[in-house]
Amino acid sequence: MTLTKAQIIDAIPEKLGISRKKSVEVVETLLEIIKRQMENGEDVLISGFGKFCIKDKKARRGRNPATGSDMMLDKRRVVVFRCSKLLRDKINKS
């Protein structure tokens, strides 16, 4: 099962006793801050959770899976998530 933004928004009022409207505002603001940092090429570190890193990929040769023909893939930036040791240990505890 995937946790959605709507589910996060609904869980915050239950935990903190704030309005759903305020919860929406908090989540949207947090996501905007994270997006803005990454748009500027900055990493985002959330202690105890992990780090979102921006990596530059060079242009490279690829293959069109539908036709099998060779093609050049443009250079691009990708987001990589590196989970913290704390989170990794909790995930692997079972």
C-alpha atoms as a PDB file:
ATOM      1  CA  MET A   1       0.000   0.000   0.000  1.00  0.00           C
ATOM      2  CA  THR A   2       1.220   3.505  -0.801  1.00  0.00           C
ATOM      3  CA  LEU A   3       0.899   6.405   1.632  1.00  0.00           C
ATOM      4  CA  THR A   4      -0.572   9.403  -0.189  1.00  0.00           C
ATOM      5  CA  LYS A   5      -0.352  13.124   0.479  1.00  0.00           C
ATOM      6  CA  ALA A   6      -4.071  13.127   1.342  1.00  0.00           C
ATOM      7  CA  GLN A   7      -3.512  10.425   3.963  1.00  0.00           C
ATOM      8  CA  ILE A   8      -0.662  12.433   5.493  1.00  0.00           C
ATOM      9  CA  ILE A   9      -2.883  15.523   5.580  1.00  0.00           C
ATOM     10  CA  ASP A  10      -5.640  13.513   7.296  1.00  0.00           C
ATOM     11  CA  ALA A  11      -3.254  11.979   9.871  1.00  0.00           C
ATOM     12  CA  ILE A  12      -1.823  15.291  11.109  1.00  0.00           C
ATOM     13  CA  PRO A  13      -5.059  16.630  12.682  1.00  0.00           C
ATOM     14  CA  GLU A  14      -5.551  13.275  14.451  1.00  0.00           C
ATOM     15  CA  LYS A  15      -2.052  13.440  15.980  1.00  0.00           C
ATOM     16  CA  LEU A  16      -1.813  17.170  16.723  1.00  0.00           C
ATOM     17  CA  GLY A  17      -5.417  18.237  17.158  1.00  0.00           C
ATOM     18  CA  ILE A  18      -5.215  21.003  14.535  1.00  0.00           C
ATOM     19  CA  SER A  19      -7.731  21.719  11.786  1.00  0.00           C
ATOM     20  CA  ARG A  20      -7.575  19.875   8.466  1.00  0.00           C
ATOM     21  CA  LYS A  21      -7.224  23.245   6.715  1.00  0.00           C
ATOM     22  CA  LYS A  22      -4.113  24.039   8.786  1.00  0.00           C
ATOM     23  CA  SER A  23      -2.792  20.533   8.078  1.00  0.00           C
ATOM     24  CA  VAL A  24      -3.144  21.100   4.308  1.00  0.00           C
ATOM     25  CA  GLU A  25      -1.288  24.400   4.662  1.00  0.00           C
ATOM     26  CA  VAL A  26       1.572  22.801   6.636  1.00  0.00           C
ATOM     27  CA  VAL A  27       2.049  19.888   4.224  1.00  0.00           C
ATOM     28  CA  GLU A  28       1.848  22.083   1.101  1.00  0.00           C
ATOM     29  CA  THR A  29       4.316  24.581   2.592  1.00  0.00           C
ATOM     30  CA  LEU A  30       6.760  21.836   3.555  1.00  0.00           C
ATOM     31  CA  LEU A  31       6.626  20.305   0.073  1.00  0.00           C
ATOM     32  CA  GLU A  32       7.109  23.722  -1.572  1.00  0.00           C
ATOM     33  CA  ILE A  33      10.213  24.379   0.555  1.00  0.00           C
ATOM     34  CA  ILE A  34      11.660  20.979  -0.386  1.00  0.00           C
ATOM     35  CA  LYS A  35      10.854  21.466  -4.102  1.00  0.00           C
ATOM     36  CA  ARG A  36      12.395  24.951  -4.154  1.00  0.00           C
ATOM     37  CA  GLN A  37      15.624  23.671  -2.569  1.00  0.00           C
ATOM     38  CA  MET A  38      15.926  20.859  -5.087  1.00  0.00           C
ATOM     39  CA  GLU A  39      15.099  23.129  -8.045  1.00  0.00           C
ATOM     40  CA  ASN A  40      18.108  25.209  -6.963  1.00  0.00           C
ATOM     41  CA  GLY A  41      20.292  22.088  -6.982  1.00  0.00           C
ATOM     42  CA  GLU A  42      20.466  21.863  -3.181  1.00  0.00           C
ATOM     43  CA  ASP A  43      20.213  18.620  -1.228  1.00  0.00           C
ATOM     44  CA  VAL A  44      17.529  18.188   1.443  1.00  0.00           C
ATOM     45  CA  LEU A  45      18.542  16.387   4.649  1.00  0.00           C
ATOM     46  CA  ILE A  46      15.858  15.296   7.115  1.00  0.00           C
ATOM     47  CA  SER A  47      17.570  13.886  10.215  1.00  0.00           C
ATOM     48  CA  GLY A  48      16.424  10.392  11.119  1.00  0.00           C
ATOM     49  CA  PHE A  49      14.723   9.991   7.727  1.00  0.00           C
ATOM     50  CA  GLY A  50      17.168  10.508   4.880  1.00  0.00           C
ATOM     51  CA  LYS A  51      18.635  12.807   2.271  1.00  0.00           C
ATOM     52  CA  PHE A  52      17.246  13.821  -1.118  1.00  0.00           C
ATOM     53  CA  CYS A  53      20.190  14.482  -3.465  1.00  0.00           C
ATOM     54  CA  ILE A  54      20.241  15.996  -6.945  1.00  0.00           C
ATOM     55  CA  LYS A  55      22.506  14.088  -9.345  1.00  0.00           C
ATOM     56  CA  ASP A  56      23.491  15.150 -12.862  1.00  0.00           C
ATOM     57  CA  LYS A  57      23.364  12.410 -15.478  1.00  0.00           C
ATOM     58  CA  LYS A  58      25.450  12.828 -18.613  1.00  0.00           C
ATOM     59  CA  ALA A  59      24.052  12.401 -22.110  1.00  0.00           C
ATOM     60  CA  ARG A  60      24.314   8.755 -23.087  1.00  0.00           C
ATOM     61  CA  ARG A  61      23.371   6.200 -25.666  1.00  0.00           C
ATOM     62  CA  GLY A  62      20.159   4.341 -25.018  1.00  0.00           C
ATOM     63  CA  ARG A  63      17.721   2.068 -26.749  1.00  0.00           C
ATOM     64  CA  ASN A  64      14.067   2.641 -27.560  1.00  0.00           C
ATOM     65  CA  PRO A  65      12.369  -0.358 -25.933  1.00  0.00           C
ATOM     66  CA  ALA A  66       9.446  -0.267 -28.378  1.00  0.00           C
ATOM     67  CA  THR A  67      11.515  -0.301 -31.584  1.00  0.00           C
ATOM     68  CA  GLY A  68      14.911  -1.513 -30.374  1.00  0.00           C
ATOM     69  CA  SER A  69      16.637   1.355 -32.217  1.00  0.00           C
ATOM     70  CA  ASP A  70      19.590   3.238 -30.709  1.00  0.00           C
ATOM     71  CA  MET A  71      19.080   6.808 -29.559  1.00  0.00           C
ATOM     72  CA  MET A  72      20.840   9.523 -27.575  1.00  0.00           C
ATOM     73  CA  LEU A  73      19.400  10.357 -24.169  1.00  0.00           C
ATOM     74  CA  ASP A  74      19.850  13.990 -23.146  1.00  0.00           C
ATOM     75  CA  LYS A  75      21.706  14.966 -20.004  1.00  0.00           C
ATOM     76  CA  ARG A  76      19.349  15.449 -17.086  1.00  0.00           C
ATOM     77  CA  ARG A  77      19.076  15.857 -13.356  1.00  0.00           C
ATOM     78  CA  VAL A  78      17.563  13.164 -11.169  1.00  0.00           C
ATOM     79  CA  VAL A  79      16.549  12.967  -7.527  1.00  0.00           C
ATOM     80  CA  VAL A  80      18.160  10.231  -5.457  1.00  0.00           C
ATOM     81  CA  PHE A  81      16.969   9.349  -1.950  1.00  0.00           C
ATOM     82  CA  ARG A  82      19.434   7.999   0.573  1.00  0.00           C
ATOM     83  CA  CYS A  83      17.757   6.604   3.639  1.00  0.00           C
ATOM     84  CA  SER A  84      19.277   7.361   7.070  1.00  0.00           C
ATOM     85  CA  LYS A  85      20.861   4.589   9.122  1.00  0.00           C
ATOM     86  CA  LEU A  86      18.085   5.004  11.717  1.00  0.00           C
ATOM     87  CA  LEU A  87      15.348   4.451   9.131  1.00  0.00           C
ATOM     88  CA  ARG A  88      17.252   1.613   7.446  1.00  0.00           C
ATOM     89  CA  ASP A  89      17.600  -0.146  10.832  1.00  0.00           C
ATOM     90  CA  LYS A  90      13.836   0.246  11.543  1.00  0.00           C
ATOM     91  CA  ILE A  91      12.950  -1.112   8.086  1.00  0.00           C
ATOM     92  CA  ASN A  92      15.247  -4.114   8.485  1.00  0.00           C
ATOM     93  CA  LYS A  93      14.239  -4.869  12.093  1.00  0.00           C
ATOM     94  CA  SER A  94      11.600  -7.431  11.109  1.00  0.00           C
END
